[in-house]
Amino acid sequence: MQGGVGHSVSVGGPIKPEVYSDEVTDWSRFLPLSNRARGDEELVGRSWSEPAAALLQTIAAVLDARPDLLTAPTLRPELTVESAVRELLAELGSPWWRRWALGIGATESLRPEIASITTDALASVLRQRAVERAASSVRTNIRDLGAVVVLALDLRVSCAVATEVDPFLCGTVALDLALRARQPQRSVVTARTFVAVDGGWQVGRGPQLQASAASIVLFLAGRSDVPSEAPTSAS
């Protein structure tokens, strides 16, 4: 993954990630920040609480303004927005082993405390989680950030709502998703290099494919097909 001249991370290379006490690997500490102020280098590998909290507040505001969206389908047609929100609430703060079990369908996706939340209360619970994420005592790892980012992008595409995500955050999430990718995403990301035309980063190997940061993340998250080539400035 590349963020500037002389700064790159190669997916599948000899990366030795730091493993935190909660046994969740935070690959984002390898994300170059050459396009940010020098002082921002300190942010690599630290909590992503503030951006995650801001996006949770944004999603909550959308649901407050459009409660009808809760019954709308997401980019996964089998899931409504309500189901996707409950899935997100179940994932936030979950240990690595539970995420793994959820991913292979080895455990129920909803804990009783999540399943018992009334539909009308979902937006309020999202706001509560945002406050908790923003608290200095709560650490938000890259997988928590990724879950929030993917839902925000999903809603933007499936429901045509304004849940904008910083393309730089998309790059952070894209790197983590690429390093953990399963088939068929893994085959593609090891054969093509995705270049975010609006983010200044790239991830993968092989011939370049230029696309928006959002479309790259949605593909790596299994929410969409391989992104279409974005038009270049010369086209």
Protein backbone atom coordinates (compact mmCIF):
# COMPACT_ATOMS: atom_id res chain seq x y z
CA MET A 1 0.00 0.00 0.00
CA GLN A 2 1.47 3.34 -0.96
CA GLY A 3 0.74 6.83 0.33
CA GLY A 4 3.59 8.80 -1.18
CA VAL A 5 7.00 8.60 -2.85
CA GLY A 6 9.26 6.22 -1.00
CA HIS A 7 6.56 4.94 1.35
CA SER A 8 4.97 1.60 0.64
CA VAL A 9 3.56 -1.49 2.25
CA SER A 10 3.27 -4.63 0.15
CA VAL A 11 0.32 -6.87 0.95
CA GLY A 12 1.57 -10.36 1.65
CA GLY A 13 5.12 -9.17 2.39
CA PRO A 14 7.16 -9.91 5.51
CA ILE A 15 5.09 -7.73 7.84
CA LYS A 16 5.35 -8.48 11.53
CA PRO A 17 2.38 -6.74 13.11
CA GLU A 18 2.20 -5.64 16.69
CA VAL A 19 -0.27 -7.71 18.68
CA TYR A 20 -1.97 -5.79 21.46
CA SER A 21 -3.04 -7.20 24.79
CA ASP A 22 -6.54 -7.79 23.44
CA GLU A 23 -4.98 -10.02 20.76
CA VAL A 24 -6.30 -7.87 17.93
CA THR A 25 -3.72 -7.01 15.30
CA ASP A 26 -3.81 -3.37 14.21
CA TRP A 27 -2.30 -3.34 10.72
CA SER A 28 -2.94 0.41 10.42
CA ARG A 29 0.35 1.22 12.10
CA PHE A 30 1.99 0.36 8.76
CA LEU A 31 -0.11 2.90 6.88
CA PRO A 32 2.14 5.74 5.63
CA LEU A 33 1.07 9.24 6.55
CA SER A 34 3.34 11.09 4.15
CA ASN A 35 0.40 13.19 2.96
CA ARG A 36 -0.27 14.46 6.49
CA ALA A 37 1.59 16.79 8.83
CA ARG A 38 4.71 15.23 10.34
CA GLY A 39 3.21 15.27 13.83
CA ASP A 40 0.41 13.00 12.63
CA GLU A 41 2.85 10.08 12.37
CA GLU A 42 2.19 9.58 16.07
CA LEU A 43 -1.36 8.52 15.22
CA VAL A 44 -0.27 5.35 13.44
CA GLY A 45 -1.30 2.31 15.46
CA ARG A 46 -3.19 4.37 18.02
CA SER A 47 -6.89 4.46 18.68
CA TRP A 48 -9.26 5.26 15.85
CA SER A 49 -11.94 6.29 18.32
CA GLU A 50 -12.62 9.81 17.07
CA PRO A 51 -13.31 8.97 13.40
CA ALA A 52 -15.30 5.89 14.39
CA ALA A 53 -17.38 7.94 16.84
CA ALA A 54 -18.01 10.64 14.21
CA LEU A 55 -19.24 8.07 11.70
CA LEU A 56 -21.48 6.41 14.28
CA GLN A 57 -23.04 9.82 14.96
CA THR A 58 -23.51 10.34 11.22
CA ILE A 59 -25.25 6.98 10.79
CA ALA A 60 -27.47 7.73 13.79
CA ALA A 61 -28.42 11.11 12.33
CA VAL A 62 -29.35 9.46 9.02
CA LEU A 63 -31.60 6.96 10.79
CA ASP A 64 -33.22 9.70 12.86
CA ALA A 65 -34.00 11.64 9.69
CA ARG A 66 -35.02 8.57 7.66
CA PRO A 67 -36.34 5.83 9.97
CA ASP A 68 -37.91 4.20 6.92
CA LEU A 69 -34.42 3.19 5.80
CA LEU A 70 -34.30 0.56 8.53
CA THR A 71 -36.40 -1.74 6.35
CA ALA A 72 -34.42 -1.00 3.18
CA PRO A 73 -31.97 -3.58 1.77
CA THR A 74 -28.23 -3.06 2.06
CA LEU A 75 -25.61 -4.11 -0.49
CA ARG A 76 -26.14 -7.57 0.96
CA PRO A 77 -29.76 -8.09 -0.17
CA GLU A 78 -30.42 -10.64 2.56
CA LEU A 79 -29.77 -7.96 5.20
CA THR A 80 -31.88 -4.90 5.88
CA VAL A 81 -30.34 -1.73 7.27
CA GLU A 82 -31.74 -2.66 10.67
CA SER A 83 -30.03 -6.05 10.55
CA ALA A 84 -26.77 -4.45 9.44
CA VAL A 85 -26.89 -1.94 12.30
CA ARG A 86 -27.47 -4.74 14.81
CA GLU A 87 -24.58 -6.67 13.25
CA LEU A 88 -22.34 -3.62 13.69
CA LEU A 89 -23.35 -3.23 17.34
CA ALA A 90 -22.55 -6.91 17.88
CA GLU A 91 -19.11 -6.54 16.29
CA LEU A 92 -17.93 -3.41 18.08
CA GLY A 93 -15.46 -4.35 20.78
CA SER A 94 -15.77 -8.07 20.12
CA PRO A 95 -12.61 -10.16 20.70
CA TRP A 96 -10.81 -11.60 17.69
CA TRP A 97 -12.12 -15.12 18.29
CA ARG A 98 -15.75 -13.96 18.21
CA ARG A 99 -15.18 -12.06 14.96
CA TRP A 100 -13.61 -15.18 13.50
CA ALA A 101 -16.56 -17.32 14.64
CA LEU A 102 -19.02 -14.80 13.20
CA GLY A 103 -17.13 -14.81 9.92
CA ILE A 104 -17.45 -18.56 9.44
CA GLY A 105 -20.98 -18.73 10.86
CA ALA A 106 -19.93 -20.74 13.91
CA THR A 107 -21.85 -18.60 16.38
CA GLU A 108 -25.05 -16.59 16.56
CA SER A 109 -24.52 -13.09 15.20
CA LEU A 110 -26.57 -11.32 17.85
CA ARG A 111 -26.03 -11.45 21.56
CA PRO A 112 -29.22 -11.19 23.65
CA GLU A 113 -28.47 -7.60 24.68
CA ILE A 114 -28.25 -6.61 21.00
CA ALA A 115 -31.29 -8.58 19.88
CA SER A 116 -33.38 -7.01 22.63
CA ILE A 117 -32.82 -3.44 21.44
CA THR A 118 -36.07 -2.08 20.00
CA THR A 119 -36.03 -0.78 16.46
CA ASP A 120 -36.88 2.74 17.58
CA ALA A 121 -33.90 2.76 19.94
CA LEU A 122 -31.21 1.78 17.43
CA ALA A 123 -30.20 5.34 16.56
CA SER A 124 -29.93 6.23 20.25
CA VAL A 125 -27.77 3.17 20.92
CA LEU A 126 -25.49 4.14 18.03
CA ARG A 127 -25.06 7.56 19.63
CA GLN A 128 -24.31 5.93 22.96
CA ARG A 129 -21.66 3.77 21.33
CA ALA A 130 -20.21 6.89 19.71
CA VAL A 131 -19.85 8.56 23.09
CA GLU A 132 -18.19 5.43 24.45
CA ARG A 133 -15.82 5.28 21.48
CA ALA A 134 -14.83 8.91 21.99
CA ALA A 135 -14.07 8.38 25.69
CA SER A 136 -10.35 8.43 26.37
CA SER A 137 -10.57 5.12 28.22
CA VAL A 138 -11.96 3.22 25.21
CA ARG A 139 -9.61 2.07 22.45
CA THR A 140 -11.00 1.53 18.97
CA ASN A 141 -8.94 -0.88 16.91
CA ILE A 142 -8.74 -1.04 13.14
CA ARG A 143 -11.37 -3.77 12.85
CA ASP A 144 -13.89 -1.70 14.82
CA LEU A 145 -13.13 1.25 12.56
CA GLY A 146 -13.49 -0.97 9.51
CA ALA A 147 -16.91 -2.23 10.57
CA VAL A 148 -18.17 1.34 10.96
CA VAL A 149 -16.59 2.56 7.73
CA VAL A 150 -18.02 -0.33 5.69
CA LEU A 151 -21.56 0.26 7.01
CA ALA A 152 -21.31 3.99 6.31
CA LEU A 153 -20.17 3.31 2.74
CA ASP A 154 -22.82 0.63 2.29
CA LEU A 155 -25.57 3.07 3.31
CA ARG A 156 -24.19 5.73 0.99
CA VAL A 157 -24.47 3.40 -1.99
CA SER A 158 -27.51 1.28 -1.15
CA CYS A 159 -29.66 4.07 0.30
CA ALA A 160 -28.19 7.13 -1.45
CA VAL A 161 -27.53 8.99 1.80
CA ALA A 162 -24.73 11.40 2.65
CA THR A 163 -22.50 9.27 4.86
CA GLU A 164 -19.19 10.61 3.64
CA VAL A 165 -15.97 8.89 4.72
CA ASP A 166 -12.48 10.38 4.58
CA PRO A 167 -10.62 8.58 1.74
CA PHE A 168 -7.60 8.34 4.03
CA LEU A 169 -9.65 6.30 6.52
CA CYS A 170 -10.74 4.14 3.59
CA GLY A 171 -7.07 3.46 2.90
CA THR A 172 -6.46 2.34 6.45
CA VAL A 173 -9.44 -0.02 6.30
CA ALA A 174 -8.54 -1.25 2.80
CA LEU A 175 -5.09 -2.33 3.97
CA ASP A 176 -6.52 -4.32 6.87
CA LEU A 177 -9.17 -5.92 4.67
CA ALA A 178 -6.62 -6.82 1.99
CA LEU A 179 -4.33 -8.49 4.50
CA ARG A 180 -7.23 -10.59 5.81
CA ALA A 181 -8.98 -11.13 2.49
CA ARG A 182 -10.64 -14.41 1.59
CA GLN A 183 -11.54 -15.66 -1.85
CA PRO A 184 -12.43 -14.23 -4.30
CA GLN A 185 -11.14 -10.88 -3.01
CA ARG A 186 -7.75 -12.36 -2.14
CA SER A 187 -7.16 -13.58 -5.70
CA VAL A 188 -7.91 -10.15 -7.11
CA VAL A 189 -5.84 -8.15 -4.64
CA THR A 190 -2.82 -10.38 -5.25
CA ALA A 191 -3.14 -9.91 -9.03
CA ARG A 192 -4.11 -6.23 -9.28
CA THR A 193 -3.03 -3.05 -7.56
CA PHE A 194 -5.99 -0.90 -6.57
CA VAL A 195 -5.16 2.80 -6.75
CA ALA A 196 -7.51 5.18 -4.93
CA VAL A 197 -7.90 8.13 -7.27
CA ASP A 198 -9.31 10.25 -4.44
CA GLY A 199 -7.15 8.99 -1.59
CA GLY A 200 -3.50 9.03 -2.62
CA TRP A 201 -2.94 5.38 -1.64
CA GLN A 202 -2.75 1.99 -3.27
CA VAL A 203 -2.99 -1.63 -2.18
CA GLY A 204 -2.31 -4.92 -3.91
CA ARG A 205 0.06 -6.29 -6.53
CA GLY A 206 0.10 -6.38 -10.30
CA PRO A 207 -1.31 -4.04 -12.95
CA GLN A 208 -2.98 -0.95 -11.60
CA LEU A 209 -6.73 -0.45 -11.48
CA GLN A 210 -7.77 3.07 -10.56
CA ALA A 211 -11.01 3.43 -8.63
CA SER A 212 -12.57 5.45 -5.85
CA ALA A 213 -11.47 4.72 -2.29
CA ALA A 214 -15.04 3.80 -1.33
CA SER A 215 -15.46 1.29 -4.16
CA ILE A 216 -12.18 -0.42 -3.26
CA VAL A 217 -13.20 -0.83 0.38
CA LEU A 218 -16.65 -2.13 -0.54
CA PHE A 219 -15.11 -4.74 -2.83
CA LEU A 220 -12.56 -5.89 -0.25
CA ALA A 221 -15.36 -6.12 2.32
CA GLY A 222 -17.38 -8.35 0.01
CA ARG A 223 -20.11 -5.79 -0.56
CA SER A 224 -19.61 -5.23 -4.30
CA ASP A 225 -17.93 -6.55 -7.42
CA VAL A 226 -14.48 -5.54 -8.63
CA PRO A 227 -14.55 -1.74 -9.02
CA SER A 228 -14.85 -0.29 -12.49
CA GLU A 229 -11.85 1.61 -13.77
CA ALA A 230 -12.21 5.26 -12.82
CA PRO A 231 -11.71 7.81 -15.60
CA THR A 232 -8.34 9.54 -15.49
CA SER A 233 -7.84 13.27 -15.84
CA ALA A 234 -6.67 12.73 -19.40
CA SER A 235 -9.81 10.84 -20.44
